[in-house]
Amino acid sequence: MIIAALIGAFSGIVSGMGIGGGTILIPALSIFLNINQHNAQGVNLLYFIPTAVVALFVHFKNKSLDFKTALPIILSGVAGAAGGAIVAGVMSADILRKFFAIFLFAMGLYEIFKKKKQEKS
């Protein structure tokens, strides 16, 4: 129970910064609590709702939201989430875990090389 609370607190901090707590939560649940990929992603979705509401409130209060940019992203994100949930539901947990690992690796590489480009400017 203590490990679950620590995982939740750390991923909550990351979520509050807008980075995406699922990048911490899903692997941590799989590694430290031995939860399969489908269940870890389901827990992440339930976890996301209250943490997103709190972060949204703080960002709204700080006037750091751009609704014109957000609306098309929200609409296409809802459609993508529905499609992704259907696809994930028919995949094996092993394949889903591998796709998630590839995604995280690609995002890490992107961040590394993006930073290097910004430093050169």
PDB file of N, CA and C in Angstrom:
ATOM      1  N   MET A   1       0.824  -1.195   0.000  1.00  0.00           N
ATOM      2  CA  MET A   1       0.000   0.000   0.000  1.00  0.00           C
ATOM      3  C   MET A   1       0.864   1.253   0.000  1.00  0.00           C
ATOM      4  N   ILE A   2       1.977   1.223   0.711  1.00  0.00           N
ATOM      5  CA  ILE A   2       2.865   2.381   0.746  1.00  0.00           C
ATOM      6  C   ILE A   2       3.469   2.636  -0.628  1.00  0.00           C
ATOM      7  N   ILE A   3       3.849   1.569  -1.328  1.00  0.00           N
ATOM      8  CA  ILE A   3       4.424   1.722  -2.667  1.00  0.00           C
ATOM      9  C   ILE A   3       3.397   2.347  -3.604  1.00  0.00           C
ATOM     10  N   ALA A   4       2.146   1.909  -3.526  1.00  0.00           N
ATOM     11  CA  ALA A   4       1.085   2.465  -4.372  1.00  0.00           C
ATOM     12  C   ALA A   4       0.895   3.951  -4.083  1.00  0.00           C
ATOM     13  N   ALA A   5       0.934   4.330  -2.813  1.00  0.00           N
ATOM     14  CA  ALA A   5       0.779   5.740  -2.442  1.00  0.00           C
ATOM     15  C   ALA A   5       1.951   6.578  -2.953  1.00  0.00           C
ATOM     16  N   LEU A   6       3.155   6.044  -2.856  1.00  0.00           N
ATOM     17  CA  LEU A   6       4.328   6.766  -3.372  1.00  0.00           C
ATOM     18  C   LEU A   6       4.271   6.921  -4.892  1.00  0.00           C
ATOM     19  N   ILE A   7       3.853   5.867  -5.577  1.00  0.00           N
ATOM     20  CA  ILE A   7       3.700   5.930  -7.031  1.00  0.00           C
ATOM     21  C   ILE A   7       2.660   6.991  -7.381  1.00  0.00           C
ATOM     22  N   GLY A   8       1.540   6.995  -6.681  1.00  0.00           N
ATOM     23  CA  GLY A   8       0.485   7.977  -6.929  1.00  0.00           C
ATOM     24  C   GLY A   8       0.940   9.397  -6.673  1.00  0.00           C
ATOM     25  N   ALA A   9       1.670   9.607  -5.581  1.00  0.00           N
ATOM     26  CA  ALA A   9       2.147  10.953  -5.260  1.00  0.00           C
ATOM     27  C   ALA A   9       3.135  11.465  -6.305  1.00  0.00           C
ATOM     28  N   PHE A  10       4.077  10.627  -6.693  1.00  0.00           N
ATOM     29  CA  PHE A  10       5.077  11.047  -7.672  1.00  0.00           C
ATOM     30  C   PHE A  10       4.441  11.323  -9.031  1.00  0.00           C
ATOM     31  N   SER A  11       3.552  10.430  -9.474  1.00  0.00           N
ATOM     32  CA  SER A  11       2.915  10.653 -10.768  1.00  0.00           C
ATOM     33  C   SER A  11       1.954  11.839 -10.698  1.00  0.00           C
ATOM     34  N   GLY A  12       1.386  12.118  -9.529  1.00  0.00           N
ATOM     35  CA  GLY A  12       0.552  13.309  -9.352  1.00  0.00           C
ATOM     36  C   GLY A  12       1.351  14.586  -9.506  1.00  0.00           C
ATOM     37  N   ILE A  13       2.546  14.610  -8.959  1.00  0.00           N
ATOM     38  CA  ILE A  13       3.421  15.778  -9.109  1.00  0.00           C
ATOM     39  C   ILE A  13       3.743  16.001 -10.575  1.00  0.00           C
ATOM     40  N   VAL A  14       4.083  14.923 -11.267  1.00  0.00           N
ATOM     41  CA  VAL A  14       4.400  15.012 -12.693  1.00  0.00           C
ATOM     42  C   VAL A  14       3.174  15.467 -13.490  1.00  0.00           C
ATOM     43  N   SER A  15       1.998  14.945 -13.140  1.00  0.00           N
ATOM     44  CA  SER A  15       0.756  15.348 -13.819  1.00  0.00           C
ATOM     45  C   SER A  15       0.469  16.827 -13.614  1.00  0.00           C
ATOM     46  N   GLY A  16       0.662  17.292 -12.412  1.00  0.00           N
ATOM     47  CA  GLY A  16       0.418  18.701 -12.101  1.00  0.00           C
ATOM     48  C   GLY A  16       1.286  19.643 -12.911  1.00  0.00           C
ATOM     49  N   MET A  17       2.443  19.165 -13.301  1.00  0.00           N
ATOM     50  CA  MET A  17       3.338  19.975 -14.130  1.00  0.00           C
ATOM     51  C   MET A  17       2.936  19.913 -15.605  1.00  0.00           C
ATOM     52  N   GLY A  18       1.961  19.070 -15.927  1.00  0.00           N
ATOM     53  CA  GLY A  18       1.501  18.961 -17.305  1.00  0.00           C
ATOM     54  C   GLY A  18       2.308  18.006 -18.155  1.00  0.00           C
ATOM     55  N   ILE A  19       3.137  17.204 -17.535  1.00  0.00           N
ATOM     56  CA  ILE A  19       4.011  16.295 -18.279  1.00  0.00           C
ATOM     57  C   ILE A  19       3.286  15.010 -18.636  1.00  0.00           C
ATOM     58  N   GLY A  20       2.398  14.565 -17.799  1.00  0.00           N
ATOM     59  CA  GLY A  20       1.677  13.319 -18.052  1.00  0.00           C
ATOM     60  C   GLY A  20       2.073  12.259 -17.049  1.00  0.00           C
ATOM     61  N   GLY A  21       1.285  12.130 -16.012  1.00  0.00           N
ATOM     62  CA  GLY A  21       1.591  11.186 -14.949  1.00  0.00           C
ATOM     63  C   GLY A  21       1.560   9.737 -15.387  1.00  0.00           C
ATOM     64  N   GLY A  22       0.865   9.454 -16.497  1.00  0.00           N
ATOM     65  CA  GLY A  22       0.796   8.088 -16.994  1.00  0.00           C
ATOM     66  C   GLY A  22       2.145   7.545 -17.406  1.00  0.00           C
ATOM     67  N   THR A  23       3.050   8.436 -17.792  1.00  0.00           N
ATOM     68  CA  THR A  23       4.387   7.982 -18.169  1.00  0.00           C
ATOM     69  C   THR A  23       5.132   7.414 -16.968  1.00  0.00           C
ATOM     70  N   ILE A  24       4.735   7.833 -15.783  1.00  0.00           N
ATOM     71  CA  ILE A  24       5.305   7.300 -14.542  1.00  0.00           C
ATOM     72  C   ILE A  24       4.410   6.185 -13.999  1.00  0.00           C
ATOM     73  N   LEU A  25       3.116   6.454 -13.974  1.00  0.00           N
ATOM     74  CA  LEU A  25       2.171   5.561 -13.311  1.00  0.00           C
ATOM     75  C   LEU A  25       2.098   4.176 -13.956  1.00  0.00           C
ATOM     76  N   ILE A  26       1.945   4.116 -15.261  1.00  0.00           N
ATOM     77  CA  ILE A  26       1.754   2.827 -15.929  1.00  0.00           C
ATOM     78  C   ILE A  26       2.967   1.907 -15.761  1.00  0.00           C
ATOM     79  N   PRO A  27       4.187   2.371 -16.073  1.00  0.00           N
ATOM     80  CA  PRO A  27       5.336   1.472 -15.844  1.00  0.00           C
ATOM     81  C   PRO A  27       5.525   1.114 -14.368  1.00  0.00           C
ATOM     82  N   ALA A  28       5.287   2.076 -13.465  1.00  0.00           N
ATOM     83  CA  ALA A  28       5.469   1.801 -12.039  1.00  0.00           C
ATOM     84  C   ALA A  28       4.482   0.742 -11.549  1.00  0.00           C
ATOM     85  N   LEU A  29       3.236   0.839 -12.000  1.00  0.00           N
ATOM     86  CA  LEU A  29       2.249  -0.174 -11.606  1.00  0.00           C
ATOM     87  C   LEU A  29       2.645  -1.549 -12.132  1.00  0.00           C
ATOM     88  N   SER A  30       3.151  -1.590 -13.349  1.00  0.00           N
ATOM     89  CA  SER A  30       3.561  -2.866 -13.946  1.00  0.00           C
ATOM     90  C   SER A  30       4.785  -3.454 -13.256  1.00  0.00           C
ATOM     91  N   ILE A  31       5.760  -2.608 -12.977  1.00  0.00           N
ATOM     92  CA  ILE A  31       7.032  -3.082 -12.418  1.00  0.00           C
ATOM     93  C   ILE A  31       6.929  -3.384 -10.920  1.00  0.00           C
ATOM     94  N   PHE A  32       6.426  -2.412 -10.154  1.00  0.00           N
ATOM     95  CA  PHE A  32       6.471  -2.544  -8.693  1.00  0.00           C
ATOM     96  C   PHE A  32       5.266  -3.265  -8.092  1.00  0.00           C
ATOM     97  N   LEU A  33       4.116  -3.197  -8.760  1.00  0.00           N
ATOM     98  CA  LEU A  33       2.924  -3.843  -8.211  1.00  0.00           C
ATOM     99  C   LEU A  33       2.466  -5.029  -9.047  1.00  0.00           C
ATOM    100  N   ASN A  34       3.232  -5.349 -10.089  1.00  0.00           N
ATOM    101  CA  ASN A  34       2.966  -6.508 -10.943  1.00  0.00           C
ATOM    102  C   ASN A  34       1.542  -6.523 -11.505  1.00  0.00           C
ATOM    103  N   ILE A  35       1.072  -5.357 -11.949  1.00  0.00           N
ATOM    104  CA  ILE A  35      -0.251  -5.219 -12.554  1.00  0.00           C
ATOM    105  C   ILE A  35      -0.096  -5.336 -14.061  1.00  0.00           C
ATOM    106  N   ASN A  36      -0.985  -6.096 -14.721  1.00  0.00           N
ATOM    107  CA  ASN A  36      -0.850  -6.246 -16.170  1.00  0.00           C
ATOM    108  C   ASN A  36      -1.135  -4.927 -16.890  1.00  0.00           C
ATOM    109  N   GLN A  37      -0.716  -4.836 -18.137  1.00  0.00           N
ATOM    110  CA  GLN A  37      -0.761  -3.588 -18.899  1.00  0.00           C
ATOM    111  C   GLN A  37      -2.178  -3.030 -19.038  1.00  0.00           C
ATOM    112  N   HIS A  38      -3.152  -3.866 -19.342  1.00  0.00           N
ATOM    113  CA  HIS A  38      -4.525  -3.382 -19.492  1.00  0.00           C
ATOM    114  C   HIS A  38      -5.039  -2.762 -18.189  1.00  0.00           C
ATOM    115  N   ASN A  39      -4.802  -3.430 -17.077  1.00  0.00           N
ATOM    116  CA  ASN A  39      -5.255  -2.904 -15.791  1.00  0.00           C
ATOM    117  C   ASN A  39      -4.496  -1.640 -15.392  1.00  0.00           C
ATOM    118  N   ALA A  40      -3.202  -1.596 -15.681  1.00  0.00           N
ATOM    119  CA  ALA A  40      -2.413  -0.396 -15.364  1.00  0.00           C
ATOM    120  C   ALA A  40      -2.933   0.801 -16.157  1.00  0.00           C
ATOM    121  N   GLN A  41      -3.262   0.588 -17.413  1.00  0.00           N
ATOM    122  CA  GLN A  41      -3.795   1.687 -18.220  1.00  0.00           C
ATOM    123  C   GLN A  41      -5.197   2.082 -17.745  1.00  0.00           C
ATOM    124  N   GLY A  42      -5.978   1.111 -17.302  1.00  0.00           N
ATOM    125  CA  GLY A  42      -7.294   1.425 -16.740  1.00  0.00           C
ATOM    126  C   GLY A  42      -7.186   2.235 -15.459  1.00  0.00           C
ATOM    127  N   VAL A  43      -6.267   1.834 -14.584  1.00  0.00           N
ATOM    128  CA  VAL A  43      -6.027   2.602 -13.355  1.00  0.00           C
ATOM    129  C   VAL A  43      -5.577   4.013 -13.714  1.00  0.00           C
ATOM    130  N   ASN A  44      -4.719   4.135 -14.720  1.00  0.00           N
ATOM    131  CA  ASN A  44      -4.249   5.454 -15.152  1.00  0.00           C
ATOM    132  C   ASN A  44      -5.412   6.341 -15.596  1.00  0.00           C
ATOM    133  N   LEU A  45      -6.367   5.758 -16.303  1.00  0.00           N
ATOM    134  CA  LEU A  45      -7.511   6.550 -16.759  1.00  0.00           C
ATOM    135  C   LEU A  45      -8.368   7.028 -15.589  1.00  0.00           C
ATOM    136  N   LEU A  46      -8.582   6.158 -14.598  1.00  0.00           N
ATOM    137  CA  LEU A  46      -9.332   6.578 -13.408  1.00  0.00           C
ATOM    138  C   LEU A  46      -8.566   7.620 -12.605  1.00  0.00           C
ATOM    139  N   TYR A  47      -7.274   7.437 -12.511  1.00  0.00           N
ATOM    140  CA  TYR A  47      -6.394   8.353 -11.786  1.00  0.00           C
ATOM    141  C   TYR A  47      -6.358   9.720 -12.461  1.00  0.00           C
ATOM    142  N   PHE A  48      -6.444   9.711 -13.784  1.00  0.00           N
ATOM    143  CA  PHE A  48      -6.312  10.936 -14.564  1.00  0.00           C
ATOM    144  C   PHE A  48      -7.435  11.931 -14.290  1.00  0.00           C
ATOM    145  N   ILE A  49      -8.650  11.445 -14.073  1.00  0.00           N
ATOM    146  CA  ILE A  49      -9.798  12.347 -13.937  1.00  0.00           C
ATOM    147  C   ILE A  49      -9.627  13.343 -12.789  1.00  0.00           C
ATOM    148  N   PRO A  50      -9.442  12.905 -11.538  1.00  0.00           N
ATOM    149  CA  PRO A  50      -9.310  13.911 -10.470  1.00  0.00           C
ATOM    150  C   PRO A  50      -8.029  14.734 -10.558  1.00  0.00           C
ATOM    151  N   THR A  51      -6.922  14.115 -11.000  1.00  0.00           N
ATOM    152  CA  THR A  51      -5.687  14.904 -11.090  1.00  0.00           C
ATOM    153  C   THR A  51      -5.798  15.951 -12.198  1.00  0.00           C
ATOM    154  N   ALA A  52      -6.469  15.612 -13.291  1.00  0.00           N
ATOM    155  CA  ALA A  52      -6.652  16.578 -14.376  1.00  0.00           C
ATOM    156  C   ALA A  52      -7.550  17.733 -13.936  1.00  0.00           C
ATOM    157  N   VAL A  53      -8.587  17.439 -13.155  1.00  0.00           N
ATOM    158  CA  VAL A  53      -9.484  18.489 -12.676  1.00  0.00           C
ATOM    159  C   VAL A  53      -8.721  19.483 -11.796  1.00  0.00           C
ATOM    160  N   VAL A  54      -7.900  18.972 -10.899  1.00  0.00           N
ATOM    161  CA  VAL A  54      -7.115  19.853 -10.021  1.00  0.00           C
ATOM    162  C   VAL A  54      -6.125  20.692 -10.837  1.00  0.00           C
ATOM    163  N   ALA A  55      -5.391  20.037 -11.750  1.00  0.00           N
ATOM    164  CA  ALA A  55      -4.419  20.763 -12.572  1.00  0.00           C
ATOM    165  C   ALA A  55      -5.114  21.792 -13.456  1.00  0.00           C
ATOM    166  N   LEU A  56      -6.267  21.430 -14.023  1.00  0.00           N
ATOM    167  CA  LEU A  56      -7.021  22.357 -14.864  1.00  0.00           C
ATOM    168  C   LEU A  56      -7.452  23.584 -14.066  1.00  0.00           C
ATOM    169  N   PHE A  57      -7.918  23.369 -12.854  1.00  0.00           N
ATOM    170  CA  PHE A  57      -8.323  24.484 -11.994  1.00  0.00           C
ATOM    171  C   PHE A  57      -7.152  25.437 -11.741  1.00  0.00           C
ATOM    172  N   VAL A  58      -6.002  24.884 -11.401  1.00  0.00           N
ATOM    173  CA  VAL A  58      -4.827  25.721 -11.120  1.00  0.00           C
ATOM    174  C   VAL A  58      -4.394  26.486 -12.366  1.00  0.00           C
ATOM    175  N   HIS A  59      -4.343  25.800 -13.512  1.00  0.00           N
ATOM    176  CA  HIS A  59      -3.935  26.476 -14.747  1.00  0.00           C
ATOM    177  C   HIS A  59      -4.961  27.526 -15.179  1.00  0.00           C
ATOM    178  N   PHE A  60      -6.246  27.263 -14.957  1.00  0.00           N
ATOM    179  CA  PHE A  60      -7.284  28.246 -15.253  1.00  0.00           C
ATOM    180  C   PHE A  60      -7.115  29.470 -14.363  1.00  0.00           C
ATOM    181  N   LYS A  61      -6.869  29.244 -13.087  1.00  0.00           N
ATOM    182  CA  LYS A  61      -6.668  30.335 -12.129  1.00  0.00           C
ATOM    183  C   LYS A  61      -5.458  31.192 -12.515  1.00  0.00           C
ATOM    184  N   ASN A  62      -4.414  30.531 -13.049  1.00  0.00           N
ATOM    185  CA  ASN A  62      -3.198  31.254 -13.470  1.00  0.00           C
ATOM    186  C   ASN A  62      -3.312  31.829 -14.885  1.00  0.00           C
ATOM    187  N   LYS A  63      -4.496  31.681 -15.497  1.00  0.00           N
ATOM    188  CA  LYS A  63      -4.760  32.184 -16.849  1.00  0.00           C
ATOM    189  C   LYS A  63      -3.764  31.646 -17.874  1.00  0.00           C
ATOM    190  N   SER A  64      -3.489  30.367 -17.771  1.00  0.00           N
ATOM    191  CA  SER A  64      -2.537  29.750 -18.699  1.00  0.00           C
ATOM    192  C   SER A  64      -3.211  28.710 -19.596  1.00  0.00           C
ATOM    193  N   LEU A  65      -4.465  28.996 -19.985  1.00  0.00           N
ATOM    194  CA  LEU A  65      -5.193  28.109 -20.887  1.00  0.00           C
ATOM    195  C   LEU A  65      -5.542  28.867 -22.165  1.00  0.00           C
ATOM    196  N   ASP A  66      -5.375  28.219 -23.300  1.00  0.00           N
ATOM    197  CA  ASP A  66      -5.729  28.787 -24.595  1.00  0.00           C
ATOM    198  C   ASP A  66      -6.867  27.948 -25.162  1.00  0.00           C
ATOM    199  N   PHE A  67      -8.101  28.420 -24.960  1.00  0.00           N
ATOM    200  CA  PHE A  67      -9.275  27.636 -25.348  1.00  0.00           C
ATOM    201  C   PHE A  67      -9.392  27.449 -26.856  1.00  0.00           C
ATOM    202  N   LYS A  68      -8.953  28.428 -27.656  1.00  0.00           N
ATOM    203  CA  LYS A  68      -9.025  28.287 -29.113  1.00  0.00           C
ATOM    204  C   LYS A  68      -8.135  27.143 -29.595  1.00  0.00           C
ATOM    205  N   THR A  69      -6.989  26.982 -29.006  1.00  0.00           N
ATOM    206  CA  THR A  69      -6.091  25.888 -29.357  1.00  0.00           C
ATOM    207  C   THR A  69      -6.604  24.576 -28.791  1.00  0.00           C
ATOM    208  N   ALA A  70      -7.161  24.629 -27.599  1.00  0.00           N
ATOM    209  CA  ALA A  70      -7.571  23.407 -26.911  1.00  0.00           C
ATOM    210  C   ALA A  70      -8.776  22.723 -27.548  1.00  0.00           C
ATOM    211  N   LEU A  71      -9.748  23.481 -28.066  1.00  0.00           N
ATOM    212  CA  LEU A  71     -10.985  22.874 -28.556  1.00  0.00           C
ATOM    213  C   LEU A  71     -10.768  21.835 -29.656  1.00  0.00           C
ATOM    214  N   PRO A  72     -10.033  22.139 -30.742  1.00  0.00           N
ATOM    215  CA  PRO A  72      -9.836  21.086 -31.747  1.00  0.00           C
ATOM    216  C   PRO A  72      -9.025  19.906 -31.223  1.00  0.00           C
ATOM    217  N   ILE A  73      -8.125  20.158 -30.305  1.00  0.00           N
ATOM    218  CA  ILE A  73      -7.335  19.073 -29.720  1.00  0.00           C
ATOM    219  C   ILE A  73      -8.237  18.181 -28.872  1.00  0.00           C
ATOM    220  N   ILE A  74      -9.127  18.789 -28.111  1.00  0.00           N
ATOM    221  CA  ILE A  74     -10.059  18.023 -27.276  1.00  0.00           C
ATOM    222  C   ILE A  74     -10.954  17.149 -28.141  1.00  0.00           C
ATOM    223  N   LEU A  75     -11.543  17.737 -29.183  1.00  0.00           N
ATOM    224  CA  LEU A  75     -12.470  16.993 -30.036  1.00  0.00           C
ATOM    225  C   LEU A  75     -11.780  15.825 -30.741  1.00  0.00           C
ATOM    226  N   SER A  76     -10.615  16.081 -31.311  1.00  0.00           N
ATOM    227  CA  SER A  76      -9.905  14.989 -31.984  1.00  0.00           C
ATOM    228  C   SER A  76      -9.352  13.992 -30.965  1.00  0.00           C
ATOM    229  N   GLY A  77      -9.006  14.461 -29.778  1.00  0.00           N
ATOM    230  CA  GLY A  77      -8.523  13.569 -28.724  1.00  0.00           C
ATOM    231  C   GLY A  77      -9.589  12.608 -28.242  1.00  0.00           C
ATOM    232  N   VAL A  78     -10.833  13.081 -28.144  1.00  0.00           N
ATOM    233  CA  VAL A  78     -11.936  12.206 -27.739  1.00  0.00           C
ATOM    234  C   VAL A  78     -12.137  11.106 -28.778  1.00  0.00           C
ATOM    235  N   ALA A  79     -12.116  11.490 -30.059  1.00  0.00           N
ATOM    236  CA  ALA A  79     -12.266  10.494 -31.131  1.00  0.00           C
ATOM    237  C   ALA A  79     -11.092   9.503 -31.103  1.00  0.00           C
ATOM    238  N   GLY A  80      -9.879  10.021 -30.935  1.00  0.00           N
ATOM    239  CA  GLY A  80      -8.704   9.154 -30.867  1.00  0.00           C
ATOM    240  C   GLY A  80      -8.729   8.224 -29.669  1.00  0.00           C
ATOM    241  N   ALA A  81      -9.232   8.727 -28.545  1.00  0.00           N
ATOM    242  CA  ALA A  81      -9.314   7.898 -27.335  1.00  0.00           C
ATOM    243  C   ALA A  81     -10.284   6.747 -27.533  1.00  0.00           C
ATOM    244  N   ALA A  82     -11.398   7.021 -28.186  1.00  0.00           N
ATOM    245  CA  ALA A  82     -12.371   5.958 -28.449  1.00  0.00           C
ATOM    246  C   ALA A  82     -11.752   4.893 -29.350  1.00  0.00           C
ATOM    247  N   GLY A  83     -11.100   5.328 -30.418  1.00  0.00           N
ATOM    248  CA  GLY A  83     -10.444   4.374 -31.314  1.00  0.00           C
ATOM    249  C   GLY A  83      -9.330   3.613 -30.636  1.00  0.00           C
ATOM    250  N   GLY A  84      -8.525   4.326 -29.870  1.00  0.00           N
ATOM    251  CA  GLY A  84      -7.420   3.683 -29.160  1.00  0.00           C
ATOM    252  C   GLY A  84      -7.889   2.674 -28.133  1.00  0.00           C
ATOM    253  N   ALA A  85      -8.978   2.984 -27.444  1.00  0.00           N
ATOM    254  CA  ALA A  85      -9.522   2.053 -26.450  1.00  0.00           C
ATOM    255  C   ALA A  85     -10.016   0.772 -27.110  1.00  0.00           C
ATOM    256  N   ILE A  86     -10.630   0.930 -28.278  1.00  0.00           N
ATOM    257  CA  ILE A  86     -11.105  -0.257 -29.004  1.00  0.00           C
ATOM    258  C   ILE A  86      -9.924  -1.118 -29.432  1.00  0.00           C
ATOM    259  N   VAL A  87      -8.897  -0.475 -30.003  1.00  0.00           N
ATOM    260  CA  VAL A  87      -7.710  -1.219 -30.459  1.00  0.00           C
ATOM    261  C   VAL A  87      -7.004  -1.881 -29.277  1.00  0.00           C
ATOM    262  N   ALA A  88      -6.825  -1.136 -28.185  1.00  0.00           N
ATOM    263  CA  ALA A  88      -6.145  -1.687 -27.009  1.00  0.00           C
ATOM    264  C   ALA A  88      -6.917  -2.859 -26.413  1.00  0.00           C
ATOM    265  N   GLY A  89      -8.235  -2.808 -26.508  1.00  0.00           N
ATOM    266  CA  GLY A  89      -9.060  -3.883 -25.951  1.00  0.00           C
ATOM    267  C   GLY A  89      -8.885  -5.220 -26.653  1.00  0.00           C
ATOM    268  N   VAL A  90      -8.487  -5.184 -27.924  1.00  0.00           N
ATOM    269  CA  VAL A  90      -8.317  -6.440 -28.655  1.00  0.00           C
ATOM    270  C   VAL A  90      -6.860  -6.900 -28.712  1.00  0.00           C
ATOM    271  N   MET A  91      -5.944  -6.071 -28.219  1.00  0.00           N
ATOM    272  CA  MET A  91      -4.520  -6.446 -28.198  1.00  0.00           C
ATOM    273  C   MET A  91      -4.203  -7.268 -26.954  1.00  0.00           C
ATOM    274  N   SER A  92      -3.186  -8.088 -27.072  1.00  0.00           N
ATOM    275  CA  SER A  92      -2.707  -8.790 -25.880  1.00  0.00           C
ATOM    276  C   SER A  92      -1.949  -7.795 -25.004  1.00  0.00           C
ATOM    277  N   ALA A  93      -1.898  -8.071 -23.718  1.00  0.00           N
ATOM    278  CA  ALA A  93      -1.193  -7.187 -22.788  1.00  0.00           C
ATOM    279  C   ALA A  93       0.286  -7.068 -23.163  1.00  0.00           C
ATOM    280  N   ASP A  94       0.870  -8.141 -23.657  1.00  0.00           N
ATOM    281  CA  ASP A  94       2.285  -8.122 -24.035  1.00  0.00           C
ATOM    282  C   ASP A  94       2.542  -7.164 -25.200  1.00  0.00           C
ATOM    283  N   ILE A  95       1.717  -7.231 -26.218  1.00  0.00           N
ATOM    284  CA  ILE A  95       1.870  -6.335 -27.374  1.00  0.00           C
ATOM    285  C   ILE A  95       1.607  -4.895 -26.952  1.00  0.00           C
ATOM    286  N   LEU A  96       0.579  -4.677 -26.151  1.00  0.00           N
ATOM    287  CA  LEU A  96       0.257  -3.338 -25.678  1.00  0.00           C
ATOM    288  C   LEU A  96       1.417  -2.745 -24.881  1.00  0.00           C
ATOM    289  N   ARG A  97       2.031  -3.551 -24.026  1.00  0.00           N
ATOM    290  CA  ARG A  97       3.175  -3.102 -23.231  1.00  0.00           C
ATOM    291  C   ARG A  97       4.342  -2.714 -24.137  1.00  0.00           C
ATOM    292  N   LYS A  98       4.559  -3.501 -25.187  1.00  0.00           N
ATOM    293  CA  LYS A  98       5.650  -3.197 -26.115  1.00  0.00           C
ATOM    294  C   LYS A  98       5.396  -1.905 -26.884  1.00  0.00           C
ATOM    295  N   PHE A  99       4.164  -1.705 -27.338  1.00  0.00           N
ATOM    296  CA  PHE A  99       3.835  -0.442 -28.013  1.00  0.00           C
ATOM    297  C   PHE A  99       4.032   0.743 -27.077  1.00  0.00           C
ATOM    298  N   PHE A 100       3.630   0.593 -25.823  1.00  0.00           N
ATOM    299  CA  PHE A 100       3.790   1.672 -24.853  1.00  0.00           C
ATOM    300  C   PHE A 100       5.275   1.961 -24.616  1.00  0.00           C
ATOM    301  N   ALA A 101       6.078   0.923 -24.522  1.00  0.00           N
ATOM    302  CA  ALA A 101       7.528   1.101 -24.328  1.00  0.00           C
ATOM    303  C   ALA A 101       8.151   1.814 -25.531  1.00  0.00           C
ATOM    304  N   ILE A 102       7.755   1.431 -26.730  1.00  0.00           N
ATOM    305  CA  ILE A 102       8.278   2.084 -27.940  1.00  0.00           C
ATOM    306  C   ILE A 102       7.873   3.556 -27.950  1.00  0.00           C
ATOM    307  N   PHE A 103       6.629   3.834 -27.577  1.00  0.00           N
ATOM    308  CA  PHE A 103       6.155   5.215 -27.516  1.00  0.00           C
ATOM    309  C   PHE A 103       6.982   6.037 -26.527  1.00  0.00           C
ATOM    310  N   LEU A 104       7.189   5.508 -25.328  1.00  0.00           N
ATOM    311  CA  LEU A 104       7.971   6.242 -24.331  1.00  0.00           C
ATOM    312  C   LEU A 104       9.406   6.459 -24.804  1.00  0.00           C
ATOM    313  N   PHE A 105       9.996   5.452 -25.423  1.00  0.00           N
ATOM    314  CA  PHE A 105      11.360   5.571 -25.942  1.00  0.00           C
ATOM    315  C   PHE A 105      11.431   6.643 -27.025  1.00  0.00           C
ATOM    316  N   ALA A 106      10.463   6.640 -27.938  1.00  0.00           N
ATOM    317  CA  ALA A 106      10.435   7.638 -29.011  1.00  0.00           C
ATOM    318  C   ALA A 106      10.273   9.045 -28.449  1.00  0.00           C
ATOM    319  N   MET A 107       9.424   9.205 -27.450  1.00  0.00           N
ATOM    320  CA  MET A 107       9.232  10.523 -26.840  1.00  0.00           C
ATOM    321  C   MET A 107      10.508  10.975 -26.123  1.00  0.00           C
ATOM    322  N   GLY A 108      11.187  10.046 -25.487  1.00  0.00           N
ATOM    323  CA  GLY A 108      12.452  10.383 -24.829  1.00  0.00           C
ATOM    324  C   GLY A 108      13.495  10.853 -25.834  1.00  0.00           C
ATOM    325  N   LEU A 109      13.609  10.134 -26.939  1.00  0.00           N
ATOM    326  CA  LEU A 109      14.546  10.546 -27.991  1.00  0.00           C
ATOM    327  C   LEU A 109      14.176  11.910 -28.553  1.00  0.00           C
ATOM    328  N   TYR A 110      12.897  12.117 -28.773  1.00  0.00           N
ATOM    329  CA  TYR A 110      12.441  13.408 -29.281  1.00  0.00           C
ATOM    330  C   TYR A 110      12.847  14.530 -28.330  1.00  0.00           C
ATOM    331  N   GLU A 111      12.629  14.329 -27.053  1.00  0.00           N
ATOM    332  CA  GLU A 111      12.974  15.354 -26.068  1.00  0.00           C
ATOM    333  C   GLU A 111      14.482  15.612 -26.033  1.00  0.00           C
ATOM    334  N   ILE A 112      15.265  14.574 -26.144  1.00  0.00           N
ATOM    335  CA  ILE A 112      16.724  14.747 -26.138  1.00  0.00           C
ATOM    336  C   ILE A 112      17.164  15.578 -27.333  1.00  0.00           C
ATOM    337  N   PHE A 113      16.695  15.218 -28.510  1.00  0.00           N
ATOM    338  CA  PHE A 113      17.131  15.920 -29.708  1.00  0.00           C
ATOM    339  C   PHE A 113      16.497  17.291 -29.845  1.00  0.00           C
ATOM    340  N   LYS A 114      15.298  17.477 -29.333  1.00  0.00           N
ATOM    341  CA  LYS A 114      14.651  18.784 -29.340  1.00  0.00           C
ATOM    342  C   LYS A 114      15.446  19.762 -28.487  1.00  0.00           C
ATOM    343  N   LYS A 115      15.904  19.321 -27.352  1.00  0.00           N
ATOM    344  CA  LYS A 115      16.684  20.169 -26.454  1.00  0.00           C
ATOM    345  C   LYS A 115      17.989  20.591 -27.118  1.00  0.00           C
ATOM    346  N   LYS A 116      18.622  19.654 -27.811  1.00  0.00           N
ATOM    347  CA  LYS A 116      19.867  19.978 -28.478  1.00  0.00           C
ATOM    348  C   LYS A 116      19.673  21.036 -29.554  1.00  0.00           C
ATOM    349  N   LYS A 117      18.567  20.968 -30.298  1.00  0.00           N
ATOM    350  CA  LYS A 117      18.257  21.978 -31.310  1.00  0.00           C
ATOM    351  C   LYS A 117      18.033  23.330 -30.659  1.00  0.00           C
ATOM    352  N   GLN A 118      17.334  23.349 -29.529  1.00  0.00           N
ATOM    353  CA  GLN A 118      17.056  24.611 -28.846  1.00  0.00           C
ATOM    354  C   GLN A 118      18.321  25.235 -28.301  1.00  0.00           C
ATOM    355  N   GLU A 119      19.276  24.414 -27.843  1.00  0.00           N
ATOM    356  CA  GLU A 119      20.537  24.926 -27.309  1.00  0.00           C
ATOM    357  C   GLU A 119      21.372  25.585 -28.393  1.00  0.00           C
ATOM    358  N   LYS A 120      21.286  25.101 -29.643  1.00  0.00           N
ATOM    359  CA  LYS A 120      22.058  25.650 -30.742  1.00  0.00           C
ATOM    360  C   LYS A 120      21.545  27.009 -31.173  1.00  0.00           C
ATOM    361  N   SER A 121      20.261  27.290 -30.934  1.00  0.00           N
ATOM    362  CA  SER A 121      19.659  28.547 -31.384  1.00  0.00           C
ATOM    363  C   SER A 121      20.135  29.721 -30.573  1.00  0.00           C
TER     364      SER A 121
END
